[in-house]
Amino acid sequence: MAVAVAVLGFTGLGLARTERDTGGSGTARPNLLILASDGLRPDHLSGNGYPRPTSPNIDRLMDEGTRFSDTVVQVPRTAPSWTTLLTSQWAGEHPVVHSLVGREARETKLTTLATVLEAQGYRTAVVADYAGDHFSRFPYGFQQVSAPDFRFPDLIRQRMLIMHVALLPWTALAPGLFPERGEFPELTDPAPLRARVHRTLDGLPADAPFALVVFASSTHFPYAAPWPQEGQFVERGYRGPWRFGATPQMEVDPEAPSPAPEDVAALGANYDAGVRTFDGLVGSLRADLERRGRWDDTLVVVLSDHGEHLADAGLGLGHGDHLWGGAALRIPFVVRLPGQVAEGRTVTQRARSLDVAPTVLELLGVSAPESFRGRSLASLVRPGAEPGPLPDAPALIETDLWFSDRDGQPYQTVRIPYPWIYETATVEKATGEIALKPEWEGTVRRARHRGLYLGRWKLLELPTPGGVVVQLFDVVADPAEARDVAGDFPNVVTAMRARLAETLPDGDRELERPVEH
């Protein structure tokens, strides 16, 4: 009952009947179930070769379906990334260009995977816990939304509950009176989320299609998995600062010593317990759909909004602050649908979060709208002989806004400076939302680190007051992206920078770079 019911009353979808347009065959369209966890790294799934047994249920899905081994997101922060996933547009084409956009951007009508499926007779819903507040704040078009809020008054009430620790357990007796419980980052137990999903499934008619997104926070910072997963991978006898996960904080003390190897190991172990927790949710929902006889007529998709840095490569913690390495930029992308998706296939060609919605729509037999910029990869997952690769497509990557200007992290040395969030953000009086002050919008967007994956290359442009620092990595020869080879391949740099300029949304091309506020 830790998260309880963030938004009450979503006990079913009341789905309408619809059929696939197949020349009168009357074959029912497949359902859609998207299973996602915030910050889920594909390289921490045991089915991808990770040594710990973190993901037996997801591994089974990969064996029964097709996995993409290299899927890249654009902005590795939750709200912009989910908006790109659902709209199949780059941030800059859609208005959620960073995590603290203002009211106009939050209320802009969007054409999304949900709105397209609703027009085809699907009933759509999303059920999310702690990290899924964006689903209640942005108009993605889901007919039913069960997700927490993240407005300033809610945060104040949440912190007031935290201050009265002795009373906190009693609030679980009346969760409807304390919806702020659903916003605690420390409460990553998916049990309340699972209960809400099961109640939603109870309302589904057996002969109607549904499109349901389930978004969990089990792998989100501070990596505090519930019992019995909590601590199961931490080395016995460890008593360091990350024994129970990482303490939430706005920034790291730049004078603090670097984490010791045993601390990094403990952090990764706690994260892995979160992966195992999410995997248990996947297994539970599978069992529920199997019991209802709806599993094999459902397109199941496993993905995430971004990856995560875990201090394991000297690149700090978290996501969205820099573009070095691939840990925060890569997500799992698994699809399963008997008869429509090949079993046990691994697609090595790079996919983009931009391509998820078009691929899903084609597998459901639905045409993508003209506004979708991504391309369908359904041809790569169809049963039969494995097809050849598609032409390489550019994968745009960008940082989000920076919350701090004083955390001592390496990216602070190659950036256009602006103050920390307490000076650049405000609370909107009319909505209680935390948003970037309009006067900082241009600076924040010009200051972003940007880049491009294309073929074997990764290009980065890092604007500074003295000019743009350009870096180039050969991700085939150097998968860890550890060596900058820009000086060795000037012609590649020139070509990649030109391609980056072409790929940027029109509004971003007009931004002057670099400047100092």
Protein backbone atom coordinates (compact mmCIF):
# COMPACT_ATOMS: atom_id res chain seq x y z
CA MET A 1 0.00 0.00 0.00
CA ALA A 2 3.10 2.24 -0.09
CA VAL A 3 2.11 4.19 -3.18
CA ALA A 4 -1.66 3.43 -2.80
CA VAL A 5 -3.94 4.98 -5.42
CA ALA A 6 -2.51 8.22 -6.80
CA VAL A 7 -5.64 8.90 -8.79
CA LEU A 8 -8.78 6.99 -7.69
CA GLY A 9 -11.61 5.64 -9.74
CA PHE A 10 -9.83 4.02 -12.68
CA THR A 11 -11.25 0.53 -12.21
CA GLY A 12 -11.74 -0.36 -15.86
CA LEU A 13 -11.58 0.85 -19.39
CA GLY A 14 -15.05 -0.08 -20.62
CA LEU A 15 -13.59 -0.92 -23.99
CA ALA A 16 -15.50 -0.65 -27.25
CA ARG A 17 -15.68 -3.41 -29.83
CA THR A 18 -13.58 -3.05 -32.95
CA GLU A 19 -12.21 -5.36 -35.62
CA ARG A 20 -9.20 -5.40 -37.92
CA ASP A 21 -9.89 -4.05 -41.37
CA THR A 22 -8.79 -7.13 -43.30
CA GLY A 23 -11.37 -7.29 -46.06
CA GLY A 24 -14.14 -8.61 -43.83
CA SER A 25 -12.18 -11.40 -42.17
CA GLY A 26 -13.47 -10.27 -38.77
CA THR A 27 -10.15 -10.99 -37.03
CA ALA A 28 -9.92 -8.99 -33.82
CA ARG A 29 -7.11 -6.49 -33.60
CA PRO A 30 -4.35 -7.28 -31.10
CA ASN A 31 -4.28 -5.51 -27.78
CA LEU A 32 -1.26 -3.42 -26.82
CA LEU A 33 0.56 -3.60 -23.50
CA ILE A 34 3.62 -1.39 -22.99
CA LEU A 35 5.64 -2.31 -19.89
CA ALA A 36 8.24 0.27 -18.89
CA SER A 37 10.38 1.16 -15.90
CA ASP A 38 12.10 4.49 -15.40
CA GLY A 39 15.84 4.38 -16.02
CA LEU A 40 15.97 0.71 -17.06
CA ARG A 41 19.34 -0.16 -18.59
CA PRO A 42 19.34 -2.96 -21.19
CA ASP A 43 22.86 -4.02 -20.23
CA HIS A 44 21.58 -4.91 -16.73
CA LEU A 45 19.14 -7.52 -18.07
CA SER A 46 20.38 -11.06 -17.57
CA GLY A 47 19.06 -12.05 -21.00
CA ASN A 48 21.49 -9.58 -22.54
CA GLY A 49 24.46 -11.25 -20.87
CA TYR A 50 24.43 -9.52 -17.49
CA PRO A 51 25.86 -11.92 -14.88
CA ARG A 52 23.22 -11.40 -12.18
CA PRO A 53 19.79 -13.06 -12.51
CA THR A 54 17.95 -9.76 -12.74
CA SER A 55 15.25 -10.39 -15.34
CA PRO A 56 13.94 -13.95 -15.86
CA ASN A 57 10.51 -12.76 -17.02
CA ILE A 58 11.86 -10.17 -19.44
CA ASP A 59 14.40 -12.73 -20.68
CA ARG A 60 11.50 -15.05 -21.48
CA LEU A 61 9.83 -12.29 -23.48
CA MET A 62 13.04 -11.74 -25.43
CA ASP A 63 13.21 -15.45 -26.21
CA GLU A 64 9.60 -15.44 -27.39
CA GLY A 65 9.91 -12.21 -29.36
CA THR A 66 12.46 -9.84 -30.86
CA ARG A 67 14.84 -7.51 -29.09
CA PHE A 68 16.61 -4.44 -30.46
CA SER A 69 20.14 -4.41 -29.04
CA ASP A 70 20.81 -0.69 -29.62
CA THR A 71 17.92 1.73 -29.08
CA VAL A 72 18.74 5.40 -28.43
CA VAL A 73 16.62 8.14 -26.87
CA GLN A 74 16.90 11.82 -27.71
CA VAL A 75 16.69 13.58 -24.34
CA PRO A 76 17.48 11.21 -21.45
CA ARG A 77 14.95 12.69 -19.03
CA THR A 78 11.48 11.34 -18.43
CA ALA A 79 8.98 13.92 -19.70
CA PRO A 80 10.78 14.90 -22.94
CA SER A 81 11.65 11.29 -23.68
CA TRP A 82 8.14 9.94 -23.20
CA THR A 83 6.79 12.75 -25.36
CA THR A 84 9.17 11.77 -28.16
CA LEU A 85 8.21 8.10 -27.71
CA LEU A 86 4.49 8.84 -27.95
CA THR A 87 4.51 11.57 -30.63
CA SER A 88 7.34 10.19 -32.80
CA GLN A 89 8.67 13.73 -33.05
CA TRP A 90 11.94 15.26 -31.96
CA ALA A 91 11.85 17.52 -28.91
CA GLY A 92 11.67 20.91 -30.61
CA GLU A 93 9.03 19.65 -33.01
CA HIS A 94 6.90 18.76 -30.01
CA PRO A 95 6.88 21.41 -27.26
CA VAL A 96 8.30 19.37 -24.35
CA VAL A 97 11.87 20.45 -24.98
CA HIS A 98 12.95 20.01 -21.35
CA SER A 99 11.59 18.88 -18.00
CA LEU A 100 10.25 22.24 -16.79
CA VAL A 101 8.27 23.59 -19.73
CA GLY A 102 5.58 26.19 -19.08
CA ARG A 103 1.82 26.03 -19.25
CA GLU A 104 1.50 26.71 -22.97
CA ALA A 105 3.73 23.76 -23.82
CA ARG A 106 1.98 21.51 -21.29
CA GLU A 107 -1.42 22.26 -22.81
CA THR A 108 -0.49 21.98 -26.48
CA LYS A 109 -2.63 19.37 -28.22
CA LEU A 110 -0.52 16.43 -29.35
CA THR A 111 -1.01 13.67 -31.90
CA THR A 112 0.24 10.56 -30.14
CA LEU A 113 0.17 6.80 -30.19
CA ALA A 114 -2.80 7.03 -27.82
CA THR A 115 -4.85 9.44 -29.95
CA VAL A 116 -4.22 7.41 -33.11
CA LEU A 117 -5.36 4.19 -31.45
CA GLU A 118 -8.42 5.84 -29.95
CA ALA A 119 -9.44 6.94 -33.45
CA GLN A 120 -9.21 3.28 -34.48
CA GLY A 121 -11.60 2.16 -31.76
CA TYR A 122 -9.08 1.28 -29.07
CA ARG A 123 -9.70 2.37 -25.52
CA THR A 124 -6.48 3.70 -24.04
CA ALA A 125 -5.14 3.95 -20.50
CA VAL A 126 -1.95 4.58 -18.62
CA VAL A 127 -1.20 3.50 -15.06
CA ALA A 128 1.96 4.87 -13.44
CA ASP A 129 3.52 5.39 -10.05
CA TYR A 130 6.04 7.87 -8.60
CA ALA A 131 8.02 8.85 -11.71
CA GLY A 132 4.97 8.96 -14.00
CA ASP A 133 3.64 12.38 -13.04
CA HIS A 134 4.06 13.64 -16.63
CA PHE A 135 1.16 11.44 -17.69
CA SER A 136 -1.16 13.58 -15.56
CA ARG A 137 0.48 16.86 -16.63
CA PHE A 138 0.71 16.54 -20.42
CA PRO A 139 -2.15 15.95 -22.90
CA TYR A 140 -1.00 12.66 -24.37
CA GLY A 141 -4.59 11.71 -25.17
CA PHE A 142 -5.07 8.65 -22.95
CA GLN A 143 -8.73 8.19 -22.13
CA GLN A 144 -7.91 6.98 -18.62
CA VAL A 145 -4.96 8.29 -16.62
CA SER A 146 -3.96 6.94 -13.22
CA ALA A 147 -0.75 8.76 -12.29
CA PRO A 148 0.51 11.08 -9.53
CA ASP A 149 0.85 14.85 -9.71
CA PHE A 150 4.07 16.79 -9.26
CA ARG A 151 2.85 20.26 -8.36
CA PHE A 152 4.47 22.43 -5.73
CA PRO A 153 1.61 22.20 -3.16
CA ASP A 154 1.71 18.40 -3.44
CA LEU A 155 5.46 18.41 -2.78
CA ILE A 156 5.00 20.56 0.32
CA ARG A 157 2.36 18.18 1.71
CA GLN A 158 4.62 15.25 0.90
CA ARG A 159 7.54 16.72 2.84
CA MET A 160 5.19 17.45 5.77
CA LEU A 161 4.28 13.77 5.88
CA ILE A 162 7.98 12.83 5.85
CA MET A 163 8.56 15.03 8.91
CA HIS A 164 6.06 12.96 10.91
CA VAL A 165 7.68 9.58 10.44
CA ALA A 166 5.73 7.88 13.22
CA LEU A 167 2.45 8.81 11.55
CA LEU A 168 3.48 7.90 8.02
CA PRO A 169 2.51 4.19 8.17
CA TRP A 170 -0.99 5.11 9.31
CA THR A 171 -1.63 7.11 6.17
CA ALA A 172 -1.71 3.81 4.27
CA LEU A 173 -5.05 3.09 5.97
CA ALA A 174 -6.68 5.91 4.03
CA PRO A 175 -4.61 6.36 0.88
CA GLY A 176 -7.33 8.42 -0.78
CA LEU A 177 -6.75 11.14 1.83
CA PHE A 178 -2.98 11.13 1.29
CA PRO A 179 -2.29 10.92 -2.46
CA GLU A 180 1.13 12.45 -1.81
CA ARG A 181 2.28 8.99 -0.73
CA GLY A 182 2.37 8.13 -4.41
CA GLU A 183 5.09 10.70 -4.99
CA PHE A 184 7.71 9.46 -2.53
CA PRO A 185 10.86 8.52 -4.48
CA GLU A 186 11.80 6.15 -1.66
CA LEU A 187 8.67 4.02 -2.12
CA THR A 188 9.43 1.97 -5.22
CA ASP A 189 7.38 -1.10 -4.35
CA PRO A 190 5.22 -1.82 -7.43
CA ALA A 191 2.51 -3.62 -5.42
CA PRO A 192 0.05 -0.67 -5.44
CA LEU A 193 0.76 -0.14 -9.13
CA ARG A 194 0.12 -3.82 -9.80
CA ALA A 195 -3.18 -3.63 -7.91
CA ARG A 196 -4.35 -0.66 -9.98
CA VAL A 197 -3.40 -2.43 -13.21
CA HIS A 198 -5.25 -5.59 -12.14
CA ARG A 199 -8.36 -3.56 -11.33
CA THR A 200 -8.11 -1.92 -14.73
CA LEU A 201 -7.87 -5.31 -16.41
CA ASP A 202 -10.96 -6.45 -14.50
CA GLY A 203 -13.00 -3.99 -16.54
CA LEU A 204 -11.87 -5.21 -19.95
CA PRO A 205 -14.43 -7.02 -22.13
CA ALA A 206 -13.01 -10.19 -23.62
CA ASP A 207 -13.75 -9.24 -27.24
CA ALA A 208 -12.44 -5.66 -27.38
CA PRO A 209 -8.94 -4.23 -28.00
CA PHE A 210 -7.12 -2.17 -25.42
CA ALA A 211 -3.93 -0.13 -25.37
CA LEU A 212 -2.44 0.03 -21.89
CA VAL A 213 0.81 1.62 -20.74
CA VAL A 214 2.22 0.56 -17.37
CA PHE A 215 5.09 2.72 -16.10
CA ALA A 216 6.94 1.69 -12.95
CA SER A 217 9.58 3.47 -10.86
CA SER A 218 11.35 0.43 -9.42
CA THR A 219 14.62 1.26 -11.18
CA HIS A 220 14.42 5.00 -10.50
CA PHE A 221 16.76 6.85 -8.16
CA PRO A 222 17.30 6.25 -5.20
CA TYR A 223 17.24 2.53 -6.20
CA ALA A 224 15.44 1.48 -3.02
CA ALA A 225 13.98 -1.92 -3.90
CA PRO A 226 11.36 -3.36 -1.51
CA TRP A 227 11.59 -6.61 0.42
CA PRO A 228 12.41 -9.35 -0.53
CA GLN A 229 14.60 -7.90 -3.29
CA GLU A 230 16.15 -5.21 -1.09
CA GLY A 231 19.82 -5.87 -0.50
CA GLN A 232 19.88 -9.28 -2.15
CA PHE A 233 22.81 -8.39 -4.41
CA VAL A 234 24.76 -6.20 -1.94
CA GLU A 235 27.97 -7.81 -0.73
CA ARG A 236 27.54 -9.22 2.75
CA GLY A 237 29.16 -7.00 5.35
CA TYR A 238 29.01 -3.79 3.31
CA ARG A 239 28.08 -0.85 5.56
CA GLY A 240 28.92 2.12 3.33
CA PRO A 241 26.75 5.10 2.31
CA TRP A 242 24.87 3.21 -0.43
CA ARG A 243 23.83 0.21 1.64
CA PHE A 244 20.13 1.04 1.14
CA GLY A 245 20.37 2.94 -2.14
CA ALA A 246 21.41 6.53 -2.83
CA THR A 247 20.09 9.39 -0.72
CA PRO A 248 18.06 11.84 -2.85
CA GLN A 249 19.84 15.18 -3.19
CA MET A 250 19.87 18.08 -5.60
CA GLU A 251 23.62 18.04 -6.11
CA VAL A 252 26.82 16.32 -5.07
CA ASP A 253 29.30 18.10 -2.82
CA PRO A 254 32.21 18.92 -5.17
CA GLU A 255 34.60 18.56 -2.23
CA ALA A 256 33.38 15.06 -1.36
CA PRO A 257 35.77 12.20 -2.13
CA SER A 258 35.07 9.99 -5.11
CA PRO A 259 33.07 6.88 -4.28
CA ALA A 260 35.12 3.84 -3.41
CA PRO A 261 34.85 0.73 -5.61
CA GLU A 262 32.83 -1.05 -2.94
CA ASP A 263 30.39 1.87 -2.86
CA VAL A 264 29.95 1.78 -6.63
CA ALA A 265 29.39 -1.96 -6.42
CA ALA A 266 26.72 -1.49 -3.74
CA LEU A 267 24.94 1.16 -5.80
CA GLY A 268 24.85 -1.16 -8.79
CA ALA A 269 23.63 -3.99 -6.59
CA ASN A 270 20.73 -1.92 -5.30
CA TYR A 271 19.87 -0.86 -8.84
CA ASP A 272 19.88 -4.51 -9.90
CA ALA A 273 17.44 -5.30 -7.10
CA GLY A 274 15.19 -2.66 -8.65
CA VAL A 275 15.49 -4.38 -12.02
CA ARG A 276 14.49 -7.67 -10.40
CA THR A 277 11.54 -5.88 -8.77
CA PHE A 278 10.28 -4.57 -12.10
CA ASP A 279 10.80 -7.98 -13.65
CA GLY A 280 8.52 -9.42 -10.98
CA LEU A 281 5.83 -6.93 -12.02
CA VAL A 282 6.24 -8.07 -15.63
CA GLY A 283 5.77 -11.69 -14.57
CA SER A 284 2.72 -10.85 -12.48
CA LEU A 285 1.00 -8.98 -15.29
CA ARG A 286 1.79 -11.78 -17.70
CA ALA A 287 0.17 -14.30 -15.37
CA ASP A 288 -2.90 -12.09 -15.05
CA LEU A 289 -3.34 -11.77 -18.82
CA GLU A 290 -2.73 -15.49 -19.31
CA ARG A 291 -5.42 -16.26 -16.75
CA ARG A 292 -7.80 -13.99 -18.66
CA GLY A 293 -6.89 -15.59 -22.00
CA ARG A 294 -5.60 -12.25 -23.35
CA TRP A 295 -1.84 -12.82 -23.41
CA ASP A 296 -1.26 -14.24 -26.86
CA ASP A 297 -3.53 -11.72 -28.60
CA THR A 298 -1.60 -8.82 -27.05
CA LEU A 299 1.39 -7.04 -28.55
CA VAL A 300 3.73 -6.74 -25.56
CA VAL A 301 6.44 -4.08 -25.63
CA VAL A 302 9.16 -3.62 -23.00
CA LEU A 303 11.05 -0.33 -23.00
CA SER A 304 12.17 2.62 -20.88
CA ASP A 305 12.42 6.38 -21.11
CA HIS A 306 16.21 6.50 -20.65
CA GLY A 307 19.09 4.63 -19.07
CA GLU A 308 21.13 5.54 -16.02
CA HIS A 309 24.68 6.37 -14.97
CA LEU A 310 25.60 4.43 -11.85
CA ALA A 311 29.09 5.82 -11.13
CA ASP A 312 30.39 2.68 -12.80
CA ALA A 313 32.25 4.36 -15.67
CA GLY A 314 33.48 7.54 -14.00
CA LEU A 315 30.55 9.48 -15.51
CA GLY A 316 28.65 10.28 -12.33
CA LEU A 317 25.09 9.42 -11.34
CA GLY A 318 21.75 9.99 -12.97
CA HIS A 319 20.80 10.99 -16.51
CA GLY A 320 20.23 14.00 -18.71
CA ASP A 321 23.24 16.11 -17.65
CA HIS A 322 25.70 14.95 -20.31
CA LEU A 323 25.93 12.74 -23.38
CA TRP A 324 29.19 10.90 -22.71
CA GLY A 325 28.97 7.14 -22.84
CA GLY A 326 25.80 5.29 -23.71
CA ALA A 327 24.46 4.23 -20.30
CA ALA A 328 21.85 7.01 -20.06
CA LEU A 329 21.01 7.09 -23.76
CA ARG A 330 20.19 3.46 -24.45
CA ILE A 331 16.96 1.68 -23.54
CA PRO A 332 15.58 -1.83 -23.95
CA PHE A 333 13.12 -2.33 -26.80
CA VAL A 334 11.47 -5.75 -26.92
CA VAL A 335 8.37 -6.77 -28.88
CA ARG A 336 6.35 -9.99 -28.63
CA LEU A 337 3.27 -11.02 -30.62
CA PRO A 338 2.89 -14.66 -31.70
CA GLY A 339 2.62 -15.05 -35.46
CA GLN A 340 3.55 -11.41 -36.11
CA VAL A 341 6.96 -11.12 -34.44
CA ALA A 342 9.91 -13.47 -34.90
CA GLU A 343 10.94 -15.52 -31.88
CA GLY A 344 14.42 -15.23 -30.43
CA ARG A 345 15.65 -12.62 -32.90
CA THR A 346 18.10 -9.86 -32.03
CA VAL A 347 18.10 -6.80 -34.27
CA THR A 348 21.51 -5.16 -34.13
CA GLN A 349 20.66 -2.16 -36.30
CA ARG A 350 20.28 0.98 -34.24
CA ALA A 351 16.71 1.96 -33.40
CA ARG A 352 15.52 5.30 -32.06
CA SER A 353 12.80 6.09 -29.55
CA LEU A 354 11.36 8.07 -32.46
CA ASP A 355 10.70 4.73 -34.20
CA VAL A 356 8.79 2.99 -31.41
CA ALA A 357 5.29 4.34 -32.10
CA PRO A 358 5.40 3.78 -35.92
CA THR A 359 6.66 0.22 -35.34
CA VAL A 360 3.93 -0.52 -32.82
CA LEU A 361 1.23 0.87 -35.10
CA GLU A 362 2.30 -1.24 -38.07
CA LEU A 363 2.36 -4.38 -35.92
CA LEU A 364 -1.21 -3.53 -34.85
CA GLY A 365 -2.29 -2.98 -38.45
CA VAL A 366 -2.81 0.76 -38.02
CA SER A 367 -1.40 3.47 -40.28
CA ALA A 368 0.87 6.10 -38.76
CA PRO A 369 -0.14 9.77 -39.08
CA GLU A 370 1.83 12.18 -41.23
CA SER A 371 3.09 14.00 -38.13
CA PHE A 372 5.18 10.99 -37.06
CA ARG A 373 8.83 11.55 -37.94
CA GLY A 374 10.11 8.08 -37.05
CA ARG A 375 10.04 5.05 -39.29
CA SER A 376 8.50 1.67 -38.70
CA LEU A 377 10.95 -1.14 -37.99
CA ALA A 378 8.27 -3.82 -38.24
CA SER A 379 9.95 -5.34 -41.30
CA LEU A 380 12.94 -6.21 -39.10
CA VAL A 381 10.87 -8.24 -36.65
CA ARG A 382 8.50 -10.17 -38.94
CA PRO A 383 8.78 -13.99 -38.85
CA GLY A 384 10.67 -15.71 -41.62
CA ALA A 385 14.08 -15.08 -43.07
CA GLU A 386 15.87 -12.27 -41.27
CA PRO A 387 15.82 -9.20 -43.53
CA GLY A 388 18.78 -7.03 -44.41
CA PRO A 389 19.32 -3.79 -42.52
CA LEU A 390 17.56 -0.56 -43.37
CA PRO A 391 19.59 2.52 -44.37
CA ASP A 392 21.20 4.25 -41.41
CA ALA A 393 19.08 7.00 -39.88
CA PRO A 394 20.40 9.82 -37.67
CA ALA A 395 19.67 9.54 -33.94
CA LEU A 396 19.60 13.03 -32.42
CA ILE A 397 20.74 13.28 -28.78
CA GLU A 398 20.51 16.26 -26.41
CA THR A 399 20.92 17.08 -22.73
CA ASP A 400 18.06 18.38 -20.62
CA LEU A 401 18.31 21.57 -18.55
CA TRP A 402 20.84 21.55 -15.73
CA PHE A 403 19.53 21.71 -12.18
CA SER A 404 22.82 22.81 -10.63
CA ASP A 405 25.79 24.99 -11.50
CA ARG A 406 27.92 23.86 -8.57
CA ASP A 407 28.04 20.09 -8.35
CA GLY A 408 31.64 19.73 -9.50
CA GLN A 409 30.77 17.25 -12.26
CA PRO A 410 32.95 17.17 -15.43
CA TYR A 411 30.26 18.57 -17.72
CA GLN A 412 30.37 21.84 -15.75
CA THR A 413 33.73 22.62 -17.40
CA VAL A 414 32.29 22.50 -20.94
CA ARG A 415 29.02 24.36 -20.80
CA ILE A 416 27.48 27.79 -21.03
CA PRO A 417 26.87 28.75 -17.40
CA TYR A 418 23.51 29.71 -15.97
CA PRO A 419 22.32 29.61 -12.32
CA TRP A 420 20.87 26.60 -10.57
CA ILE A 421 17.19 25.70 -10.54
CA TYR A 422 16.35 27.80 -7.48
CA GLU A 423 17.09 30.92 -9.54
CA THR A 424 15.96 29.86 -13.01
CA ALA A 425 12.64 28.18 -12.08
CA THR A 426 9.40 29.50 -10.64
CA VAL A 427 6.09 28.19 -9.33
CA GLU A 428 3.16 29.11 -11.55
CA LYS A 429 0.51 30.76 -9.40
CA ALA A 430 -2.42 29.50 -11.46
CA THR A 431 -1.36 25.85 -11.61
CA GLY A 432 1.16 25.20 -8.85
CA GLU A 433 3.50 23.74 -11.50
CA ILE A 434 7.25 24.24 -11.30
CA ALA A 435 8.40 25.76 -14.59
CA LEU A 436 11.43 27.49 -16.06
CA LYS A 437 11.22 31.27 -16.01
CA PRO A 438 10.54 32.49 -19.57
CA GLU A 439 13.58 34.77 -19.56
CA TRP A 440 15.86 31.74 -19.21
CA GLU A 441 14.29 29.67 -21.96
CA GLY A 442 16.61 30.83 -24.76
CA THR A 443 19.78 30.44 -22.71
CA VAL A 444 18.85 26.96 -21.51
CA ARG A 445 18.12 25.76 -25.02
CA ARG A 446 21.23 27.28 -26.55
CA ALA A 447 23.41 25.84 -23.80
CA ARG A 448 22.36 22.22 -24.33
CA HIS A 449 24.91 19.64 -25.36
CA ARG A 450 23.78 18.07 -28.61
CA GLY A 451 24.94 15.34 -30.88
CA LEU A 452 24.18 12.57 -33.30
CA TYR A 453 24.59 8.84 -33.70
CA LEU A 454 24.91 7.81 -37.33
CA GLY A 455 26.41 4.53 -38.49
CA ARG A 456 29.62 3.87 -36.59
CA TRP A 457 30.00 7.48 -35.44
CA LYS A 458 28.84 9.57 -32.52
CA LEU A 459 29.32 13.33 -32.72
CA LEU A 460 28.98 15.75 -29.79
CA GLU A 461 28.75 19.55 -29.86
CA LEU A 462 29.39 21.14 -26.45
CA PRO A 463 28.80 24.91 -26.48
CA THR A 464 30.95 27.04 -24.17
CA PRO A 465 31.36 30.82 -23.88
CA GLY A 466 34.57 30.48 -25.89
CA GLY A 467 33.10 28.40 -28.70
CA VAL A 468 31.78 24.94 -29.45
CA VAL A 469 33.85 21.96 -28.33
CA VAL A 470 33.43 19.12 -30.84
CA GLN A 471 34.03 15.46 -30.01
CA LEU A 472 33.81 12.34 -32.15
CA PHE A 473 33.66 8.68 -31.11
CA ASP A 474 33.90 5.51 -33.15
CA VAL A 475 31.30 3.33 -31.42
CA VAL A 476 32.32 0.22 -33.37
CA ALA A 477 36.02 0.29 -32.52
CA ASP A 478 35.34 1.90 -29.14
CA PRO A 479 31.96 0.70 -27.78
CA ALA A 480 32.61 2.35 -24.42
CA GLU A 481 32.95 5.72 -26.21
CA ALA A 482 36.07 6.48 -24.23
CA ARG A 483 38.36 8.00 -26.88
CA ASP A 484 37.70 11.26 -28.72
CA VAL A 485 38.94 10.83 -32.31
CA ALA A 486 37.77 14.16 -33.73
CA GLY A 487 41.35 15.16 -34.52
CA ASP A 488 41.90 11.96 -36.48
CA PHE A 489 38.85 12.26 -38.73
CA PRO A 490 38.27 15.93 -39.63
CA ASN A 491 36.25 15.04 -42.73
CA VAL A 492 33.91 12.86 -40.67
CA VAL A 493 33.48 15.70 -38.19
CA THR A 494 32.52 18.10 -40.98
CA ALA A 495 30.03 15.67 -42.49
CA MET A 496 28.50 14.77 -39.13
CA ARG A 497 28.11 18.41 -38.09
CA ALA A 498 26.33 19.13 -41.37
CA ARG A 499 24.02 16.15 -40.78
CA LEU A 500 23.33 17.33 -37.23
CA ALA A 501 22.38 20.78 -38.51
CA GLU A 502 19.99 19.18 -41.02
CA THR A 503 18.41 16.94 -38.39
CA LEU A 504 17.72 19.64 -35.82
CA PRO A 505 14.11 20.88 -35.73
CA ASP A 506 13.63 24.18 -37.52
CA GLY A 507 13.18 26.18 -34.32
CA ASP A 508 16.44 24.88 -32.90
CA ARG A 509 18.36 25.82 -36.04
CA GLU A 510 17.36 29.43 -35.45
CA LEU A 511 18.89 29.53 -31.97
CA GLU A 512 22.20 31.36 -31.93
CA ARG A 513 25.04 29.42 -30.29
CA PRO A 514 27.00 29.90 -28.20
CA VAL A 515 26.08 32.88 -26.02
CA GLU A 516 26.46 33.83 -22.40
CA HIS A 517 23.45 35.16 -20.50
